[in-house]
Protein backbone atom coordinates (compact mmCIF):
# COMPACT_ATOMS: atom_id res chain seq x y z
CA MET A 1 188.38 128.22 -74.24
CA ASP A 2 191.06 129.85 -75.40
CA GLY A 3 193.02 128.73 -77.98
CA LEU A 4 191.97 125.08 -80.04
CA THR A 5 191.53 121.67 -77.56
CA HIS A 6 194.77 119.85 -80.26
CA PRO A 7 197.18 123.03 -80.80
CA ARG A 8 199.72 121.32 -82.08
CA ASP A 9 199.11 117.65 -82.73
CA LEU A 10 197.95 116.78 -86.47
CA GLU A 11 197.03 113.27 -85.57
CA ALA A 12 195.17 113.42 -82.69
CA TRP A 13 192.91 115.46 -84.39
CA HIS A 14 192.61 113.52 -86.53
CA ARG A 15 191.52 110.47 -83.96
CA TRP A 16 188.98 113.23 -82.21
CA GLN A 17 187.53 113.66 -85.31
CA LEU A 18 187.09 109.86 -86.50
CA GLU A 19 185.12 109.19 -83.69
CA ARG A 20 183.02 112.29 -83.97
CA GLN A 21 181.91 110.31 -87.63
CA PRO A 22 178.95 108.41 -87.79
CA TRP A 23 179.45 104.38 -86.93
CA ARG A 24 178.19 103.13 -90.96
CA ARG A 25 180.30 106.06 -92.44
CA ARG A 26 183.48 105.05 -89.90
CA VAL A 27 182.41 101.75 -91.82
CA ARG A 28 182.37 102.86 -94.92
CA ASN A 29 185.26 105.03 -94.77
CA LEU A 30 187.27 101.46 -93.85
CA ALA A 31 185.41 99.62 -96.54
CA GLY A 32 186.53 101.89 -98.65
CA VAL A 33 190.38 101.35 -97.73
CA LEU A 34 189.97 97.70 -98.06
CA ALA A 35 188.72 97.80 -101.28
CA ASP A 36 191.97 100.03 -102.53
CA ILE A 37 193.68 97.65 -101.70
CA ALA A 38 192.06 94.63 -102.59
CA ARG A 39 191.63 96.13 -106.26
CA PRO A 40 194.71 98.98 -105.74
CA SER A 41 194.51 101.83 -109.14
CA THR A 42 196.72 101.57 -112.09
CA ARG A 43 197.47 105.46 -110.72
CA PRO A 44 197.67 105.82 -107.20
CA GLY A 45 197.03 109.11 -105.69
CA GLU A 46 196.54 111.13 -108.83
CA VAL A 47 195.95 114.83 -109.29
CA VAL A 48 194.79 117.70 -111.75
CA VAL A 49 198.01 119.96 -112.08
CA THR A 50 196.71 123.04 -113.56
CA ARG A 51 199.59 125.58 -114.48
CA GLY A 52 199.39 128.93 -115.46
CA GLY A 53 202.46 129.11 -118.02
CA THR A 54 205.79 126.98 -118.75
CA GLY A 55 208.40 128.57 -117.00
CA PRO A 56 208.92 127.45 -113.02
CA THR A 57 205.98 128.15 -110.39
CA ARG A 58 206.59 130.63 -107.81
CA VAL A 59 203.18 130.23 -106.34
CA LEU A 60 201.98 126.96 -106.08
CA VAL A 61 197.92 126.66 -104.82
CA VAL A 62 197.10 123.76 -103.40
CA LEU A 63 193.68 123.23 -103.35
CA ASP A 64 192.67 120.70 -101.57
CA SER A 65 188.54 121.48 -102.32
CA ARG A 66 186.35 123.29 -104.25
CA SER A 67 184.44 124.92 -102.06
CA THR A 68 183.02 128.37 -102.03
CA SER A 69 184.77 129.52 -98.65
CA THR A 70 188.14 127.02 -99.66
CA VAL A 71 188.14 129.41 -103.37
CA SER A 72 187.47 132.28 -102.11
CA ALA A 73 190.99 131.83 -99.50
CA LEU A 74 192.74 130.24 -102.00
CA ALA A 75 191.29 131.43 -105.73
CA ARG A 76 190.37 134.46 -105.13
CA PRO A 77 193.84 136.10 -104.22
CA LEU A 78 195.15 134.67 -108.42
CA GLU A 79 194.26 138.06 -109.92
CA HIS A 80 196.42 139.50 -108.17
CA LEU A 81 198.93 138.05 -108.97
CA ASP A 82 200.78 137.29 -111.93
CA LEU A 83 199.27 133.72 -112.94
CA ALA A 84 202.62 132.68 -115.47
CA GLY A 85 203.98 131.95 -112.14
CA VAL A 86 200.97 129.55 -110.90
CA THR A 87 200.65 126.02 -110.36
CA VAL A 88 197.38 124.50 -108.73
CA LEU A 89 197.07 121.24 -107.43
CA SER A 90 193.77 119.53 -106.79
CA PRO A 91 191.62 116.43 -106.42
CA GLU A 92 189.74 117.40 -109.80
CA PRO A 93 189.47 119.73 -112.42
CA VAL A 94 189.44 123.43 -110.95
CA ARG A 95 190.32 126.02 -114.13
CA ASP A 96 186.22 127.34 -113.74
CA LEU A 97 186.93 128.25 -110.09
CA LEU A 98 190.28 130.23 -111.56
CA PRO A 99 190.71 133.61 -113.25
CA THR A 100 190.20 134.22 -117.09
CA TRP A 101 193.88 132.71 -118.22
CA VAL A 102 195.20 130.01 -120.89
CA TRP A 103 196.07 127.60 -117.84
CA ARG A 104 197.99 124.31 -119.51
CA GLU A 105 195.71 121.45 -117.45
CA SER A 106 197.52 118.15 -116.69
CA SER A 107 196.45 114.16 -114.36
CA GLY A 108 200.31 114.53 -112.16
CA LEU A 109 200.68 111.85 -109.23
CA VAL A 110 200.94 113.29 -105.75
CA TYR A 111 204.40 111.77 -104.32
CA ASP A 112 205.49 113.39 -107.81
CA ASP A 113 204.44 116.35 -108.98
CA LEU A 114 203.54 118.06 -105.53
CA PRO A 115 207.17 117.36 -103.99
CA ARG A 116 209.28 118.10 -106.89
CA LEU A 117 206.80 122.24 -107.25
CA ALA A 118 206.38 122.36 -103.43
CA ALA A 119 210.15 122.41 -102.33
CA GLY A 120 211.02 124.44 -105.67
CA ALA A 121 208.26 127.34 -105.28
CA PRO A 122 208.83 130.50 -102.71
CA ALA A 123 205.06 130.20 -102.05
CA VAL A 124 202.89 127.11 -101.16
CA LEU A 125 199.19 128.66 -100.85
CA SER A 126 196.94 126.11 -97.92
CA THR A 127 194.00 126.14 -96.29
CA GLY A 128 196.53 124.37 -93.73
CA HIS A 129 197.94 120.45 -93.63
CA TYR A 130 194.99 118.63 -92.41
CA LEU A 131 194.13 117.16 -95.51
CA PRO A 132 195.89 114.87 -97.58
CA LEU A 133 197.21 117.56 -99.97
CA GLY A 134 197.47 120.25 -97.35
CA ARG A 135 200.73 117.96 -95.09
CA ALA A 136 201.94 116.29 -98.31
CA ALA A 137 202.72 120.86 -99.21
CA ARG A 138 203.75 120.79 -95.87
CA ASP A 139 206.32 118.11 -95.95
CA ALA A 140 207.33 118.99 -98.90
CA VAL A 141 209.13 122.42 -97.95
CA THR A 142 212.55 123.38 -96.68
CA ASP A 143 211.18 126.00 -95.20
CA PRO A 144 208.04 125.53 -92.77
CA ALA A 145 207.20 129.39 -92.99
CA ARG A 146 207.02 128.89 -97.04
CA PHE A 147 204.07 127.41 -96.53
CA VAL A 148 201.25 130.08 -95.93
CA THR A 149 197.45 128.60 -94.31
CA VAL A 150 195.19 131.52 -94.94
CA GLN A 151 192.20 131.29 -92.77
CA HIS A 152 188.55 130.41 -94.64
CA GLY A 153 185.92 130.21 -91.97
CA LEU A 154 185.16 130.36 -88.61
CA LEU A 155 187.63 129.29 -85.72
CA THR A 156 185.64 126.83 -82.93
CA PRO A 157 187.80 124.92 -80.08
CA HIS A 158 188.14 121.31 -82.86
CA ALA A 159 190.15 123.72 -85.62
CA PRO A 160 192.45 122.05 -86.98
CA PRO A 161 195.73 122.60 -86.27
CA LEU A 162 198.62 125.37 -87.54
CA ALA A 163 200.99 123.90 -89.08
CA GLU A 164 204.91 123.95 -86.99
CA GLY A 165 206.69 127.88 -88.13
CA THR A 166 203.21 128.80 -90.72
CA THR A 167 202.31 132.15 -92.42
CA LEU A 168 199.36 132.16 -90.95
CA LEU A 169 197.59 134.93 -92.97
CA ALA A 170 194.28 135.15 -90.62
CA TRP A 171 190.46 137.37 -90.63
CA SER A 172 191.24 138.93 -87.63
CA ASP A 173 193.76 139.68 -84.88
CA ALA A 174 191.24 137.65 -82.03
CA ASP A 175 191.98 134.57 -85.13
CA ALA A 176 195.69 134.88 -85.25
CA ALA A 177 195.25 134.58 -80.73
CA PHE A 178 193.15 131.93 -81.47
CA TRP A 179 194.32 129.57 -83.48
CA GLY A 180 197.76 130.05 -82.62
CA ALA A 181 198.57 129.77 -79.12
CA GLY A 182 200.78 129.08 -77.02
CA ARG A 183 202.72 129.04 -80.25
CA ASP A 184 205.80 131.07 -80.61
CA ASP A 185 206.80 129.60 -83.84
CA VAL A 186 203.88 130.43 -86.23
CA ARG A 187 203.90 133.44 -88.05
CA PRO A 188 200.62 135.51 -87.91
CA THR A 189 199.28 138.50 -90.43
CA VAL A 190 196.44 139.99 -90.53
CA VAL A 191 194.18 140.83 -93.98
CA GLY A 192 190.42 140.45 -93.35
CA SER A 193 188.09 137.06 -95.34
CA GLU A 194 187.21 138.07 -98.20
CA LEU A 195 184.12 135.50 -98.98
CA LEU A 196 182.72 138.12 -96.54
CA TRP A 197 184.30 141.08 -98.28
CA GLU A 198 182.64 139.47 -101.85
CA ALA A 199 179.28 139.16 -99.24
CA GLY A 200 179.24 142.73 -98.30
CA ARG A 201 179.45 144.47 -102.11
CA PRO A 202 176.97 147.19 -103.09
CA PRO A 203 173.81 146.86 -103.21
CA ALA A 204 172.92 145.51 -99.57
CA SER A 205 169.91 142.40 -99.21
CA PRO A 206 167.55 143.42 -96.44
CA ALA A 207 164.80 141.66 -95.87
CA ARG A 208 161.13 141.59 -97.12
CA PRO A 209 158.83 142.66 -94.40
CA GLY A 210 156.80 139.46 -93.25
CA VAL A 211 159.06 136.65 -94.87
CA PRO A 212 159.70 133.70 -92.00
CA PRO A 213 163.56 133.16 -91.09
CA VAL A 214 165.97 130.86 -92.50
CA PHE A 215 167.81 127.94 -89.97
CA LEU A 216 171.25 127.34 -91.80
CA GLY A 217 171.52 123.59 -91.25
CA GLN A 218 174.78 121.81 -89.33
CA MET A 219 174.27 118.67 -88.73
CA HIS A 220 177.91 117.30 -90.54
CA GLY A 221 179.31 119.05 -87.74
CA ALA A 222 181.43 116.86 -85.78
CA GLU A 223 181.95 120.17 -82.61
CA LEU A 224 179.07 119.81 -81.57
CA PRO A 225 176.06 116.16 -80.90
CA HIS A 226 174.80 116.35 -83.66
CA GLU A 227 171.48 115.49 -81.28
CA LEU A 228 172.00 118.76 -79.74
CA LEU A 229 171.92 120.13 -83.70
CA VAL A 230 169.14 118.55 -84.53
CA ALA A 231 167.24 120.41 -81.39
CA ALA A 232 168.22 123.56 -81.93
CA ALA A 233 167.25 123.56 -85.60
CA GLU A 234 163.70 122.03 -85.05
CA THR A 235 163.38 124.28 -81.91
CA PHE A 236 163.84 126.90 -83.86
CA CYS A 237 162.49 125.89 -87.12
CA ARG A 238 158.37 125.14 -85.02
CA THR A 239 159.00 128.03 -83.00
CA THR A 240 159.25 130.65 -85.30
CA GLY A 241 158.21 129.43 -88.63
CA ALA A 242 161.59 129.00 -90.40
CA THR A 243 162.74 127.12 -93.47
CA TYR A 244 165.59 124.69 -92.36
CA ARG A 245 168.07 125.58 -95.60
CA PRO A 246 170.77 122.16 -95.58
CA HIS A 247 173.87 122.94 -95.29
CA PRO A 248 175.79 120.92 -98.98
CA VAL A 249 176.70 117.93 -97.61
CA GLU A 250 174.52 117.27 -95.03
CA ARG A 251 173.41 114.46 -98.50
CA ASP A 252 174.59 111.25 -96.02
CA ARG A 253 171.77 108.83 -94.68
CA ARG A 254 171.12 110.13 -91.04
CA SER A 255 170.51 114.03 -92.61
CA ARG A 256 168.42 112.70 -95.24
CA ALA A 257 165.98 111.21 -92.58
CA VAL A 258 165.81 114.18 -90.17
CA HIS A 259 165.33 116.30 -93.05
CA THR A 260 162.47 113.70 -94.26
CA ARG A 261 161.04 114.73 -91.29
CA PHE A 262 161.27 117.60 -90.74
CA GLU A 263 158.82 117.74 -93.93
CA ALA A 264 156.75 115.20 -92.78
CA THR A 265 155.45 117.57 -89.47
CA GLY A 266 155.42 120.52 -91.56
CA ILE A 267 159.16 122.25 -91.82
CA THR A 268 159.88 123.17 -94.99
CA VAL A 269 163.17 121.96 -96.37
CA ASP A 270 164.67 124.96 -98.65
CA ARG A 271 167.12 122.40 -101.50
CA THR A 272 166.80 125.23 -104.09
CA GLY A 273 170.60 126.21 -103.04
CA THR A 274 169.71 130.33 -103.30
CA PRO A 275 172.14 132.34 -102.87
CA LEU A 276 171.92 134.57 -99.32
CA ARG A 277 171.43 137.59 -100.34
CA GLU A 278 168.60 136.72 -102.50
CA LEU A 279 167.02 135.53 -99.82
CA GLY A 280 165.27 138.07 -98.87
CA ALA A 281 165.47 136.52 -95.08
CA PRO A 282 166.15 136.61 -91.80
CA VAL A 283 169.23 133.75 -91.49
CA VAL A 284 170.09 131.97 -88.59
CA SER A 285 172.29 129.12 -86.67
CA VAL A 286 174.51 127.60 -84.53
CA PHE A 287 177.92 129.28 -85.51
CA SER A 288 177.37 129.31 -89.53
CA THR A 289 180.26 131.07 -91.31
CA GLY A 290 176.62 132.38 -93.51
CA VAL A 291 175.28 134.49 -90.58
CA LEU A 292 178.29 137.11 -90.91
CA GLU A 293 178.16 136.57 -94.97
CA ALA A 294 174.15 137.49 -95.03
CA ALA A 295 175.37 139.75 -91.70
CA ALA A 296 177.70 141.36 -94.49
CA ALA A 297 174.79 141.73 -96.98
CA GLY A 298 172.55 143.74 -95.25
CA LEU A 299 170.34 141.20 -93.86
CA PRO A 300 169.54 140.65 -90.19
CA ALA A 301 171.13 137.84 -88.55
CA HIS A 302 172.12 135.50 -85.27
CA VAL A 303 173.31 132.38 -83.69
CA TYR A 304 170.43 130.43 -81.69
CA CYS A 305 171.90 127.02 -80.01
CA PRO A 306 169.89 126.52 -76.33
CA ASP A 307 172.24 125.17 -73.05
CA ALA A 308 174.87 126.50 -75.28
CA PRO A 309 178.75 125.02 -74.46
CA ALA A 310 181.18 127.96 -73.75
CA TRP A 311 183.18 127.57 -75.81
CA LEU A 312 180.35 128.17 -77.92
CA THR A 313 179.10 131.45 -75.92
CA ALA A 314 182.58 132.09 -76.64
CA LEU A 315 182.84 132.10 -79.85
CA TRP A 316 179.54 134.28 -80.61
CA ASP A 317 181.61 137.23 -78.16
CA ARG A 318 184.41 136.70 -80.64
CA TYR A 319 182.76 137.02 -83.89
CA GLY A 320 179.83 139.22 -82.35
CA LEU A 321 177.23 136.64 -83.53
CA SER A 322 174.13 138.03 -81.53
CA PRO A 323 172.26 135.68 -80.36
CA TRP A 324 168.08 135.35 -81.44
CA GLY A 325 165.78 137.96 -79.84
CA GLY A 326 168.45 140.58 -79.76
CA PRO A 327 169.53 142.99 -82.05
CA PRO A 328 170.78 141.72 -85.77
CA THR A 329 174.46 140.86 -86.05
CA ALA A 330 176.34 144.40 -86.90
CA SER A 331 177.62 144.20 -90.55
CA PRO A 332 182.01 142.84 -90.56
CA GLU A 333 183.26 145.85 -90.48
CA ARG A 334 185.23 146.28 -94.24
CA PRO A 335 189.33 146.21 -94.25
CA ALA A 336 191.16 148.85 -96.64
CA VAL A 337 192.21 146.72 -98.66
CA GLN A 338 190.79 144.40 -99.92
CA PRO A 339 191.12 141.05 -98.63
CA SER A 340 192.43 138.55 -101.69
CA ARG A 341 194.51 142.38 -102.33
CA ALA A 342 195.98 141.39 -99.42
CA VAL A 343 196.59 138.03 -99.78
CA ALA A 344 198.14 138.65 -102.91
CA ASP A 345 200.45 140.67 -101.41
CA VAL A 346 202.32 138.53 -98.96
CA VAL A 347 202.99 136.70 -102.15
CA GLU A 348 204.29 138.75 -103.82
CA GLY A 349 206.68 139.58 -100.32
CA MET A 350 207.72 135.95 -100.42
CA MET A 351 208.31 135.55 -104.24
CA ASN A 352 210.99 139.12 -104.64
CA ARG A 353 212.50 137.69 -100.97
């Protein structure tokens, strides 16, 4: 597949994602919505507004998540900008994730503060418009090109579509072409991946001899059937003696039941959260970004999925991910300019127009 299954239709993508959720989770989400209707909050749509100064906002950063990949994509570029003109909107406090500065933190309302800030900022930095804050920010900008989408992970055919007219900051030419396939309204620039840049900081972290592999879990993923993801992890761990490392969001009942079964049948489940580069072990997964992070850090890294669908093998090829049993995945090419600096340079250019 040369592009997205939903190249333009965000609502269709949301319907697909909802259909891929377990039945219990869908019921729980509906119950939460009904509870909000029955007992509405006194401050609906509350957000945290973190300002770097008292003057006008020059860069609005929409930080929908505290995930490592999102922080690398959106917060690290702030280290190269004048923070006095930066405002960050987030669902929860994020001051601990931002560069050291005299930040002023306050509460705000999505539909009061966000439109005002987004409408006036020369640049609005986000990971897209598929999450609530990103969607509200995109709706608020008058010039679509001021809405900047920064790539923060590997792109599958099931990635959310790009907002119309967005400025795209992609990891590579291949990713820019894939995400924007069939589109002539997206303005792409290749900046590289800050996440992989940071993973590749010296010194390298070679695997210790004799240490069994670590399989990175992705049971939360909607891109592949849950049964296939579990079978791949279980087969690999049983045949190689690998340790299973759950994804941080594998906290739902279904995932915990699988973890319990793994342990009951002799598979070690690693819940320590040790950074990848400190594992000292080969790293394997179906298609986790962690495989590229491990390769960047100098660890042997592979992918594994029996009966992988065609789109998955195409993804492996696009990112140079090597299947288990062959040579390890090569360390990603390190760009001449640090990606966070490259993002900041694009933003500065927008501010100076």
